[in-house]
N, C-alpha and C. Protein backbone atom coordinates (compact mmCIF):
# COMPACT_ATOMS: atom_id res chain seq x y z
N MET A 1 1.19 -0.91 -0.34
CA MET A 1 -0.19 -0.40 0.01
C MET A 1 0.88 1.43 0.19
N SER A 2 0.13 2.64 -0.92
CA SER A 2 1.43 3.25 -0.48
C SER A 2 1.18 4.25 0.36
N MET A 3 1.60 5.37 0.66
CA MET A 3 1.26 5.86 1.94
C MET A 3 1.96 7.22 0.97
N SER A 4 1.13 8.14 2.31
CA SER A 4 0.82 9.17 2.00
C SER A 4 1.85 10.62 2.00
N LEU A 5 2.72 11.40 1.12
CA LEU A 5 3.57 12.27 1.63
C LEU A 5 3.24 12.63 2.66
N ARG A 6 2.29 12.42 3.61
CA ARG A 6 2.85 12.72 5.21
C ARG A 6 3.50 12.27 5.94
N ASP A 7 3.13 10.47 5.64
CA ASP A 7 3.13 9.54 6.15
C ASP A 7 5.16 9.44 5.75
N GLN A 8 4.85 9.68 4.24
CA GLN A 8 6.82 9.18 3.50
C GLN A 8 7.93 10.55 4.69
N LEU A 9 6.90 11.09 5.01
CA LEU A 9 8.24 12.04 5.29
C LEU A 9 8.06 12.22 6.88
N LEU A 10 7.56 12.38 7.89
CA LEU A 10 7.39 11.19 8.93
C LEU A 10 8.35 10.07 9.04
N ALA A 11 8.58 9.42 7.90
CA ALA A 11 9.06 7.86 8.20
C ALA A 11 10.55 8.46 7.39
N ALA A 12 10.80 9.40 7.18
CA ALA A 12 12.00 10.06 6.77
C ALA A 12 12.82 10.65 7.72
N GLY A 13 11.55 10.96 8.24
CA GLY A 13 12.55 11.55 9.51
C GLY A 13 12.37 13.16 9.43
N LEU A 14 11.87 14.16 8.22
CA LEU A 14 11.79 15.39 7.57
C LEU A 14 11.09 16.56 8.76
N GLY A 15 9.87 15.67 9.56
CA GLY A 15 8.95 16.71 9.93
C GLY A 15 8.83 16.10 11.19
N SER A 16 7.98 16.34 11.80
CA SER A 16 7.30 15.97 13.12
C SER A 16 5.87 15.49 13.71
N LYS A 17 5.51 14.67 14.53
CA LYS A 17 4.51 14.63 14.27
C LYS A 17 3.15 16.48 14.41
N LYS A 18 3.87 16.80 15.15
CA LYS A 18 3.24 17.80 15.77
C LYS A 18 3.11 18.54 14.90
N GLN A 19 4.19 19.16 13.71
CA GLN A 19 4.59 19.70 12.65
C GLN A 19 3.53 19.26 11.80
N ALA A 20 3.08 17.92 11.33
CA ALA A 20 2.17 17.43 10.95
C ALA A 20 0.58 18.07 10.53
N ARG A 21 0.64 17.84 12.39
CA ARG A 21 -1.37 18.71 12.89
C ARG A 21 -0.96 19.74 12.45
N GLN A 22 0.25 20.26 12.45
CA GLN A 22 -0.31 21.67 12.08
C GLN A 22 0.02 22.27 11.00
N ALA A 23 0.05 21.42 9.94
CA ALA A 23 -0.07 21.66 8.76
C ALA A 23 -1.43 21.38 8.29
N GLU A 24 -2.02 19.56 9.28
CA GLU A 24 -3.25 19.11 8.60
C GLU A 24 -4.19 20.05 8.97
N ASN A 25 -3.90 20.37 10.21
CA ASN A 25 -4.84 21.53 10.58
C ASN A 25 -5.10 23.19 10.22
N GLN A 26 -4.13 23.15 9.92
CA GLN A 26 -4.27 25.18 8.76
C GLN A 26 -5.25 24.19 7.71
N GLN A 27 -4.42 23.18 6.50
CA GLN A 27 -4.81 23.02 5.52
C GLN A 27 -6.80 22.90 5.97
N LYS A 28 -6.84 22.20 6.90
CA LYS A 28 -8.35 22.58 6.85
C LYS A 28 -9.19 23.69 6.78
N GLN A 29 -8.15 24.39 8.21
CA GLN A 29 -8.28 26.16 8.08
C GLN A 29 -8.42 26.34 6.52
N GLN A 30 -7.98 26.45 6.08
CA GLN A 30 -7.70 26.89 4.19
C GLN A 30 -9.56 26.50 3.69
N GLN A 31 -9.31 24.91 3.31
CA GLN A 31 -10.16 24.72 2.79
C GLN A 31 -11.85 25.30 3.59
N HIS A 32 -11.87 25.30 4.62
CA HIS A 32 -13.20 26.20 5.30
C HIS A 32 -12.88 26.99 4.61
N GLN A 33 -12.05 27.89 4.64
CA GLN A 33 -12.32 29.32 4.47
C GLN A 33 -12.18 29.85 3.63
N GLN A 34 -11.69 28.47 2.44
CA GLN A 34 -12.21 28.73 1.21
C GLN A 34 -13.82 28.30 1.17
N ALA A 35 -14.30 27.42 0.64
CA ALA A 35 -15.91 27.08 0.43
C ALA A 35 -16.61 28.36 1.41
N LYS A 36 -15.87 28.72 2.83
CA LYS A 36 -17.15 30.11 3.48
C LYS A 36 -16.42 31.15 2.41
N ASN A 37 -15.64 31.59 2.16
CA ASN A 37 -15.36 32.70 0.52
C ASN A 37 -16.76 32.13 -0.40
N ARG A 38 -15.81 31.71 -0.71
CA ARG A 38 -16.72 30.41 -1.92
C ARG A 38 -19.31 30.35 -1.37
N GLN A 39 -18.84 30.19 -0.79
CA GLN A 39 -20.33 30.42 -0.25
C GLN A 39 -21.20 31.83 -0.11
N LEU A 40 -19.69 33.31 0.56
CA LEU A 40 -19.95 34.45 0.61
C LEU A 40 -20.11 34.95 -1.00
N ARG A 41 -19.33 34.19 -2.05
CA ARG A 41 -19.66 33.97 -3.16
C ARG A 41 -20.80 34.97 -3.34
N GLU A 42 -20.83 32.80 -3.52
CA GLU A 42 -22.39 32.60 -3.83
C GLU A 42 -23.28 33.86 -4.21
N GLU A 43 -23.40 33.93 -2.70
CA GLU A 43 -24.77 34.47 -1.82
C GLU A 43 -24.58 36.10 -2.11
N GLN A 44 -23.76 36.83 -2.66
CA GLN A 44 -23.47 38.08 -3.17
C GLN A 44 -23.71 38.71 -3.93
N GLU A 45 -23.32 37.16 -5.39
CA GLU A 45 -23.79 36.62 -6.57
C GLU A 45 -25.18 36.81 -7.26
N LYS A 46 -25.32 35.69 -5.72
CA LYS A 46 -27.70 35.81 -5.66
C LYS A 46 -28.06 36.53 -5.63
N ARG A 47 -27.53 37.57 -4.66
CA ARG A 47 -28.81 39.13 -3.96
C ARG A 47 -27.93 39.60 -5.19
N ALA A 48 -27.25 39.87 -6.09
CA ALA A 48 -27.29 41.18 -6.78
C ALA A 48 -27.58 40.63 -7.96
N ALA A 49 -27.70 39.02 -8.21
CA ALA A 49 -28.37 38.89 -9.98
C ALA A 49 -29.93 39.01 -9.11
N GLU A 50 -30.53 38.52 -7.59
CA GLU A 50 -32.06 39.22 -7.51
C GLU A 50 -32.38 41.24 -7.58
N ALA A 51 -30.97 41.43 -7.67
CA ALA A 51 -31.59 43.06 -7.55
C ALA A 51 -31.26 43.77 -8.88
N ARG A 52 -30.26 42.79 -9.44
CA ARG A 52 -30.48 43.08 -11.56
C ARG A 52 -32.75 43.38 -12.12
N ALA A 53 -32.64 42.13 -11.29
CA ALA A 53 -33.70 40.99 -11.89
C ALA A 53 -35.02 42.34 -10.93
N LYS A 54 -34.29 42.31 -10.44
CA LYS A 54 -35.95 43.62 -9.37
C LYS A 54 -35.70 44.90 -10.20
N ALA A 55 -34.23 45.50 -10.71
CA ALA A 55 -34.21 47.09 -11.40
C ALA A 55 -35.61 46.90 -12.67
N GLN A 56 -34.77 45.67 -12.68
CA GLN A 56 -35.15 45.18 -14.37
C GLN A 56 -36.60 45.06 -13.98
N ALA A 57 -37.82 44.47 -13.71
CA ALA A 57 -38.82 44.59 -13.28
C ALA A 57 -38.99 45.52 -13.46
N GLU A 58 -38.90 46.30 -11.96
CA GLU A 58 -39.82 47.86 -11.67
C GLU A 58 -39.09 48.83 -13.42
N LYS A 59 -37.88 48.81 -13.31
CA LYS A 59 -37.31 48.91 -15.41
C LYS A 59 -38.82 49.09 -15.93
N ALA A 60 -38.94 48.12 -16.20
CA ALA A 60 -40.32 47.68 -17.57
C ALA A 60 -41.58 48.10 -16.94
N ALA A 61 -41.69 47.70 -15.36
CA ALA A 61 -42.72 48.83 -15.39
C ALA A 61 -43.21 50.22 -15.42
N ARG A 62 -42.35 50.57 -14.87
CA ARG A 62 -42.47 52.14 -15.17
C ARG A 62 -42.25 52.42 -16.68
N ASP A 63 -41.42 51.27 -17.96
CA ASP A 63 -41.19 51.36 -19.26
C ASP A 63 -43.13 51.58 -19.30
N ALA A 64 -43.30 50.61 -19.16
CA ALA A 64 -45.18 50.02 -19.66
C ALA A 64 -45.99 51.17 -19.35
N ASP A 65 -45.74 51.78 -17.72
CA ASP A 65 -46.66 52.83 -17.59
C ASP A 65 -46.52 54.09 -17.95
N LEU A 66 -45.18 54.68 -18.37
CA LEU A 66 -44.99 55.44 -19.72
C LEU A 66 -45.68 55.37 -20.55
N ASN A 67 -45.29 54.73 -20.78
CA ASN A 67 -45.49 54.25 -22.67
C ASN A 67 -47.17 53.96 -22.55
N ARG A 68 -47.55 53.67 -21.52
CA ARG A 68 -49.45 53.72 -21.73
C ARG A 68 -49.57 54.84 -21.20
N LYS A 69 -49.14 55.97 -20.80
CA LYS A 69 -49.84 57.59 -20.86
C LYS A 69 -49.10 58.69 -21.94
N ARG A 70 -48.18 57.98 -22.16
CA ARG A 70 -47.76 58.24 -23.10
C ARG A 70 -48.96 58.07 -25.01
N GLN A 71 -49.27 56.98 -24.85
CA GLN A 71 -50.90 56.79 -25.43
C GLN A 71 -51.49 57.07 -25.46
N GLU A 72 -51.86 57.57 -24.04
CA GLU A 72 -53.98 57.76 -23.80
C GLU A 72 -52.94 58.84 -24.59
N ASN A 73 -51.74 60.00 -24.02
CA ASN A 73 -51.78 61.50 -25.06
C ASN A 73 -52.40 61.03 -25.53
N GLN A 74 -51.37 61.26 -26.14
CA GLN A 74 -51.42 60.19 -28.19
C GLN A 74 -53.18 60.78 -28.94
N ASP A 75 -53.64 59.34 -27.69
CA ASP A 75 -54.85 59.56 -28.56
C ASP A 75 -56.01 60.62 -27.83
N ARG A 76 -55.67 60.70 -26.55
CA ARG A 76 -56.59 62.06 -26.30
C ARG A 76 -56.51 63.81 -27.27
N LYS A 77 -55.04 63.35 -27.62
CA LYS A 77 -54.48 64.17 -28.76
C LYS A 77 -55.07 64.02 -30.00
N GLU A 78 -55.63 62.73 -30.54
CA GLU A 78 -56.01 62.82 -31.72
C GLU A 78 -57.36 63.06 -31.71
N ARG A 79 -58.15 62.76 -30.74
CA ARG A 79 -59.65 63.01 -30.18
C ARG A 79 -60.09 64.22 -29.89
N TRP A 80 -59.23 65.09 -29.73
CA TRP A 80 -59.49 66.46 -29.73
C TRP A 80 -59.00 66.68 -31.18
N ALA A 81 -57.90 65.85 -32.03
CA ALA A 81 -58.07 67.07 -33.20
C ALA A 81 -59.00 66.95 -34.37
N GLN A 82 -59.42 65.62 -34.34
CA GLN A 82 -61.20 65.22 -34.43
C GLN A 82 -62.07 65.81 -34.37
N ILE A 83 -62.12 66.05 -32.95
CA ILE A 83 -63.40 67.02 -32.40
C ILE A 83 -63.06 68.41 -33.20
N LYS A 84 -61.64 68.60 -33.46
CA LYS A 84 -61.98 70.01 -33.72
C LYS A 84 -62.00 70.29 -35.28
N GLN A 85 -61.80 69.78 -35.71
CA GLN A 85 -61.70 69.19 -37.44
C GLN A 85 -63.52 68.93 -37.47
N LEU A 86 -64.12 68.04 -36.48
CA LEU A 86 -65.59 68.00 -37.10
C LEU A 86 -66.27 69.30 -36.70
N ILE A 87 -65.46 69.95 -35.59
CA ILE A 87 -66.62 71.77 -35.48
C ILE A 87 -66.21 72.19 -36.42
N GLU A 88 -65.02 72.77 -37.00
CA GLU A 88 -64.53 73.67 -38.10
C GLU A 88 -65.09 73.24 -39.76
N GLN A 89 -65.43 71.92 -39.49
CA GLN A 89 -66.31 72.03 -41.14
C GLN A 89 -67.51 71.87 -40.64
N HIS A 90 -68.67 71.63 -39.48
CA HIS A 90 -69.26 71.72 -39.90
C HIS A 90 -69.83 72.48 -38.73
N ARG A 91 -69.21 73.97 -38.66
CA ARG A 91 -69.56 74.23 -37.93
C ARG A 91 -71.23 75.14 -38.98
N LEU A 92 -72.15 76.37 -37.72
CA LEU A 92 -73.30 77.40 -38.16
C LEU A 92 -72.35 77.90 -37.84
N PRO A 93 -73.47 79.65 -38.83
CA PRO A 93 -72.45 80.27 -39.06
C PRO A 93 -73.21 81.46 -37.61
N LYS A 94 -72.35 82.05 -37.24
CA LYS A 94 -73.10 82.95 -36.51
C LYS A 94 -73.58 83.97 -36.81
N PRO A 95 -74.52 84.45 -36.33
CA PRO A 95 -75.85 85.35 -36.72
C PRO A 95 -74.98 86.75 -36.14
N GLU A 96 -75.61 87.81 -36.82
CA GLU A 96 -75.24 89.05 -36.65
C GLU A 96 -76.47 89.70 -35.97
N SER A 97 -75.66 89.87 -34.74
CA SER A 97 -76.84 90.03 -33.70
C SER A 97 -75.72 90.83 -32.03
N GLU A 98 -77.47 91.02 -31.64
CA GLU A 98 -76.78 91.57 -30.64
C GLU A 98 -77.68 91.03 -29.64
N GLU A 99 -78.54 90.68 -29.59
CA GLU A 99 -78.60 89.04 -28.39
C GLU A 99 -77.80 88.03 -28.20
N TYR A 100 -77.64 88.20 -27.02
CA TYR A 100 -76.84 86.20 -26.80
C TYR A 100 -77.67 85.67 -26.02
N PHE A 101 -77.95 84.52 -26.69
CA PHE A 101 -77.78 83.46 -25.58
C PHE A 101 -77.05 82.39 -24.28
N ASN A 102 -77.91 82.36 -23.36
CA ASN A 102 -76.80 82.63 -21.41
C ASN A 102 -77.04 81.05 -21.73
N PHE A 103 -76.27 80.48 -21.03
CA PHE A 103 -75.95 79.01 -21.20
C PHE A 103 -74.65 78.48 -19.67
N ILE A 104 -75.60 76.93 -19.49
CA ILE A 104 -74.56 76.65 -18.41
C ILE A 104 -73.34 75.59 -18.42
N ASP A 105 -72.20 76.63 -18.45
CA ASP A 105 -70.76 75.40 -18.91
C ASP A 105 -70.03 75.20 -17.66
N ARG A 106 -70.32 74.02 -17.19
CA ARG A 106 -68.94 73.74 -15.57
C ARG A 106 -69.31 74.28 -14.87
N GLY A 107 -70.26 75.30 -14.53
CA GLY A 107 -71.39 75.20 -13.54
C GLY A 107 -71.01 77.04 -13.46
N LYS A 108 -70.38 77.39 -14.08
CA LYS A 108 -70.58 79.46 -15.53
C LYS A 108 -71.41 79.41 -16.25
N VAL A 109 -71.96 79.95 -15.78
CA VAL A 109 -73.14 81.05 -17.33
C VAL A 109 -72.32 81.52 -18.57
N ARG A 110 -72.20 80.94 -19.99
CA ARG A 110 -71.66 81.36 -20.66
C ARG A 110 -72.60 82.22 -21.17
N ARG A 111 -72.75 82.51 -21.78
CA ARG A 111 -73.20 83.10 -23.21
C ARG A 111 -72.91 83.15 -24.64
N ILE A 112 -73.94 83.34 -25.64
CA ILE A 112 -72.96 83.22 -27.39
C ILE A 112 -73.87 83.81 -28.44
N VAL A 113 -74.00 84.64 -29.12
CA VAL A 113 -74.37 85.33 -29.84
C VAL A 113 -75.33 84.71 -30.63
N ALA A 114 -77.30 84.64 -30.51
CA ALA A 114 -78.22 84.09 -31.32
C ALA A 114 -79.20 85.14 -31.81
N ASP A 115 -79.44 85.29 -32.27
CA ASP A 115 -81.29 86.34 -32.56
C ASP A 115 -81.95 85.25 -32.52
N ASN A 116 -83.18 85.56 -32.28
CA ASN A 116 -84.39 85.37 -32.24
C ASN A 116 -84.42 83.82 -32.69
N ALA A 117 -84.31 83.01 -34.00
CA ALA A 117 -84.45 82.45 -34.81
C ALA A 117 -83.88 81.54 -33.90
N LEU A 118 -82.14 81.57 -33.94
CA LEU A 118 -81.24 80.66 -33.03
C LEU A 118 -80.80 80.22 -31.93
N ARG A 119 -82.03 81.03 -30.96
CA ARG A 119 -82.67 80.85 -29.97
C ARG A 119 -83.25 79.52 -29.98
N GLU A 120 -84.58 79.84 -30.86
CA GLU A 120 -85.66 78.82 -30.54
C GLU A 120 -85.12 77.34 -31.42
N LYS A 121 -83.56 77.10 -32.21
CA LYS A 121 -83.47 76.43 -32.57
C LYS A 121 -82.50 75.42 -31.01
N LEU A 122 -81.94 76.41 -30.34
CA LEU A 122 -80.53 75.97 -29.25
C LEU A 122 -82.04 75.00 -28.03
N ILE A 123 -83.16 75.97 -28.28
CA ILE A 123 -84.55 75.45 -26.80
C ILE A 123 -84.84 74.27 -27.38
N ALA A 124 -85.14 74.70 -28.96
CA ALA A 124 -85.26 73.14 -29.82
C ALA A 124 -84.88 71.85 -30.06
N GLY A 125 -84.01 71.92 -29.86
CA GLY A 125 -83.08 71.09 -29.59
C GLY A 125 -82.44 70.24 -30.46
N THR A 126 -82.99 71.91 -31.80
CA THR A 126 -82.13 71.41 -33.14
C THR A 126 -80.85 71.79 -33.33
N VAL A 127 -80.45 72.75 -32.83
CA VAL A 127 -78.67 73.02 -32.97
C VAL A 127 -78.16 72.89 -31.20
N VAL A 128 -77.26 72.95 -32.17
CA VAL A 128 -76.53 72.14 -30.24
C VAL A 128 -74.45 72.60 -30.31
N ILE A 129 -75.03 73.01 -28.93
CA ILE A 129 -73.49 73.96 -28.37
C ILE A 129 -71.85 73.35 -27.74
N ALA A 130 -71.32 73.29 -29.20
CA ALA A 130 -70.08 72.05 -28.82
C ALA A 130 -68.67 72.78 -28.41
N ARG A 131 -67.42 73.13 -27.51
CA ARG A 131 -66.92 73.62 -27.19
C ARG A 131 -65.43 73.48 -28.20
N CYS A 132 -64.84 73.74 -27.91
CA CYS A 132 -63.12 73.01 -28.29
C CYS A 132 -62.28 73.87 -28.28
N GLU A 133 -61.46 73.56 -27.59
CA GLU A 133 -59.97 75.25 -27.98
C GLU A 133 -60.45 76.60 -26.55
N GLY A 134 -61.91 75.74 -25.84
CA GLY A 134 -62.76 77.74 -24.75
C GLY A 134 -63.40 78.47 -26.00
N LYS A 135 -63.35 78.15 -27.37
CA LYS A 135 -64.46 78.67 -27.81
C LYS A 135 -65.63 77.71 -27.59
N TYR A 136 -66.79 77.96 -28.57
CA TYR A 136 -68.23 77.58 -28.44
C TYR A 136 -68.26 77.73 -29.54
N ASP A 137 -68.53 76.66 -30.37
CA ASP A 137 -69.87 77.20 -31.74
C ASP A 137 -71.31 75.75 -32.23
N LEU A 138 -71.67 76.26 -32.57
CA LEU A 138 -72.78 75.64 -33.18
C LEU A 138 -72.69 74.55 -33.95
N VAL A 139 -73.11 73.91 -33.71
CA VAL A 139 -73.29 72.55 -35.21
C VAL A 139 -74.89 71.99 -35.31
N LEU A 140 -74.68 71.19 -35.28
CA LEU A 140 -76.52 70.02 -35.30
C LEU A 140 -76.25 68.98 -35.01
N PRO A 141 -77.24 68.17 -34.16
CA PRO A 141 -77.27 67.57 -33.39
C PRO A 141 -76.25 66.36 -33.79
N GLU A 142 -76.34 65.88 -34.94
CA GLU A 142 -75.65 64.72 -35.58
C GLU A 142 -74.42 64.50 -35.57
N ILE A 143 -73.60 66.31 -35.69
CA ILE A 143 -72.61 66.55 -35.19
C ILE A 143 -72.00 66.55 -34.03
N ALA A 144 -72.94 66.56 -32.86
CA ALA A 144 -72.76 66.40 -32.07
C ALA A 144 -72.25 65.48 -31.73
N GLU A 145 -73.79 64.21 -31.94
CA GLU A 145 -73.86 63.20 -31.24
C GLU A 145 -72.07 62.34 -31.73
N ARG A 146 -71.07 62.49 -32.81
CA ARG A 146 -70.29 62.04 -33.33
C ARG A 146 -68.36 62.43 -32.54
N ILE A 147 -69.43 63.98 -31.85
CA ILE A 147 -69.09 65.05 -31.46
C ILE A 147 -68.32 64.34 -29.99
N ARG A 148 -69.91 63.57 -29.55
CA ARG A 148 -69.91 63.61 -28.27
C ARG A 148 -68.83 61.82 -28.36
N GLU A 149 -68.59 60.82 -29.17
CA GLU A 149 -68.43 60.03 -29.40
C GLU A 149 -66.90 59.61 -28.83
N ARG A 150 -66.57 60.84 -29.41
CA ARG A 150 -65.02 61.24 -28.85
C ARG A 150 -64.62 61.52 -26.88
N ASP A 151 -65.94 62.82 -27.42
CA ASP A 151 -65.21 63.28 -25.44
C ASP A 151 -66.89 64.13 -25.01
N GLU A 152 -66.67 63.19 -24.56
CA GLU A 152 -68.85 63.77 -24.31
C GLU A 152 -67.91 65.83 -23.33
N ARG A 153 -67.43 66.05 -23.15
CA ARG A 153 -66.61 67.15 -22.59
C ARG A 153 -66.77 68.00 -23.60
N ALA A 154 -67.04 68.24 -24.64
CA ALA A 154 -66.71 68.52 -25.97
C ALA A 154 -68.14 69.71 -26.19
N VAL A 155 -69.63 68.32 -25.84
CA VAL A 155 -70.40 69.26 -25.85
C VAL A 155 -71.23 69.87 -24.74
N VAL A 156 -71.64 70.98 -24.64
CA VAL A 156 -72.30 71.55 -23.92
C VAL A 156 -73.87 71.32 -23.73
N LYS A 157 -74.04 71.68 -24.59
CA LYS A 157 -76.07 71.58 -24.31
C LYS A 157 -76.24 71.22 -25.23
N LEU A 158 -76.77 70.04 -24.78
CA LEU A 158 -78.06 69.06 -25.13
C LEU A 158 -79.10 69.14 -24.61
N ASN A 159 -80.31 69.78 -25.45
CA ASN A 159 -81.49 70.07 -24.83
C ASN A 159 -82.65 68.58 -24.39
N ALA A 160 -82.28 68.11 -25.12
CA ALA A 160 -83.02 66.37 -24.58
C ALA A 160 -82.33 65.87 -23.26
N GLU A 161 -81.68 66.48 -22.90
CA GLU A 161 -81.23 66.25 -21.69
C GLU A 161 -81.46 66.37 -20.82
N GLU A 162 -81.79 68.71 -20.97
CA GLU A 162 -82.24 69.17 -19.80
C GLU A 162 -83.75 68.95 -19.69
N GLY A 163 -84.33 68.94 -20.45
CA GLY A 163 -85.64 68.80 -20.75
C GLY A 163 -86.27 68.40 -19.35
N LYS A 164 -85.57 67.05 -19.07
CA LYS A 164 -86.95 66.10 -17.73
C LYS A 164 -86.14 66.65 -16.75
N PRO A 165 -87.20 67.23 -15.02
CA PRO A 165 -86.52 67.61 -13.91
C PRO A 165 -86.76 65.83 -13.42
N ALA A 166 -85.66 66.36 -12.51
CA ALA A 166 -85.83 64.73 -11.46
C ALA A 166 -86.48 64.75 -10.67
N GLU A 167 -86.95 63.98 -10.45
CA GLU A 167 -88.17 63.43 -9.69
C GLU A 167 -88.45 63.94 -8.39
N ASP A 168 -87.74 63.54 -7.17
CA ASP A 168 -87.34 64.38 -5.95
C ASP A 168 -87.60 66.01 -6.50
N ASP A 169 -87.35 66.40 -7.80
CA ASP A 169 -86.91 68.11 -7.00
C ASP A 169 -88.34 68.58 -6.87
N PRO A 170 -88.63 69.55 -5.60
CA PRO A 170 -89.58 69.77 -5.38
C PRO A 170 -90.08 70.93 -6.36
N TYR A 171 -89.40 71.60 -6.73
CA TYR A 171 -90.08 72.58 -8.32
C TYR A 171 -89.61 71.79 -9.70
N LYS A 172 -90.27 70.71 -9.66
CA LYS A 172 -90.61 69.58 -11.10
C LYS A 172 -91.80 70.13 -11.51
N ASP A 173 -92.76 71.05 -11.31
CA ASP A 173 -94.79 71.51 -11.79
C ASP A 173 -94.55 73.10 -11.86
N TYR A 174 -92.71 73.57 -11.50
CA TYR A 174 -92.87 74.73 -12.16
C TYR A 174 -91.94 74.95 -13.11
N VAL A 175 -92.43 75.33 -14.24
CA VAL A 175 -91.76 75.48 -15.80
C VAL A 175 -90.70 76.67 -16.01
N VAL A 176 -89.88 76.92 -16.30
CA VAL A 176 -89.02 78.41 -16.17
C VAL A 176 -89.24 78.46 -17.80
N PRO A 177 -89.38 79.56 -18.44
CA PRO A 177 -89.69 79.61 -19.66
C PRO A 177 -88.04 79.57 -20.29
N ASP A 178 -88.55 79.27 -21.10
CA ASP A 178 -86.60 78.94 -21.59
C ASP A 178 -86.17 80.15 -22.96
N ASP A 179 -87.42 81.79 -23.04
CA ASP A 179 -86.94 82.66 -24.30
C ASP A 179 -87.27 83.97 -22.61
N LEU A 180 -86.55 84.25 -21.75
CA LEU A 180 -86.37 85.18 -21.15
C LEU A 180 -85.57 85.79 -21.52
N MET A 181 -85.41 86.62 -21.55
CA MET A 181 -83.83 87.73 -21.49
C MET A 181 -83.65 87.41 -20.05
N TRP A 182 -81.82 87.64 -20.66
CA TRP A 182 -81.06 88.73 -18.77
C TRP A 182 -81.03 89.56 -18.67
């Protein structure tokens, strides 16, 4: 049977048993330290990989959210461009008059130039007020419906919606005339 190098050196008298034990202990410590270092390195690499994966997932989520917001913004701009084009192509001419038709838009009383014939059409709902870029224009109800499909806020007044009072309104029996001049 072959002897280990340590046993051969001890047999030759080049080292003592104490030195052999110290060398063996030192070798075990080195192996233990190497294993510990390897385990620490593996844990650090694992944590770094997890951190990279988490960062990539967060970046992907941010990018997806940003892309969604950009797409929504672009869609909104396209809808408003379509609304502006519809209003510009189908607006009714404003009459030359010193009389105004008052209406409520977003909680404020607004007014638009309207003679008696136009006022009657607005009251009857055969002409509708549409808003685009802070200006008010008159359009036909068919055009107003097409505008409303794109954005409901662009159509200011559809008379059919306002004609019926609420069920619990205590003043529902009292009709306010639309032909009052303010």
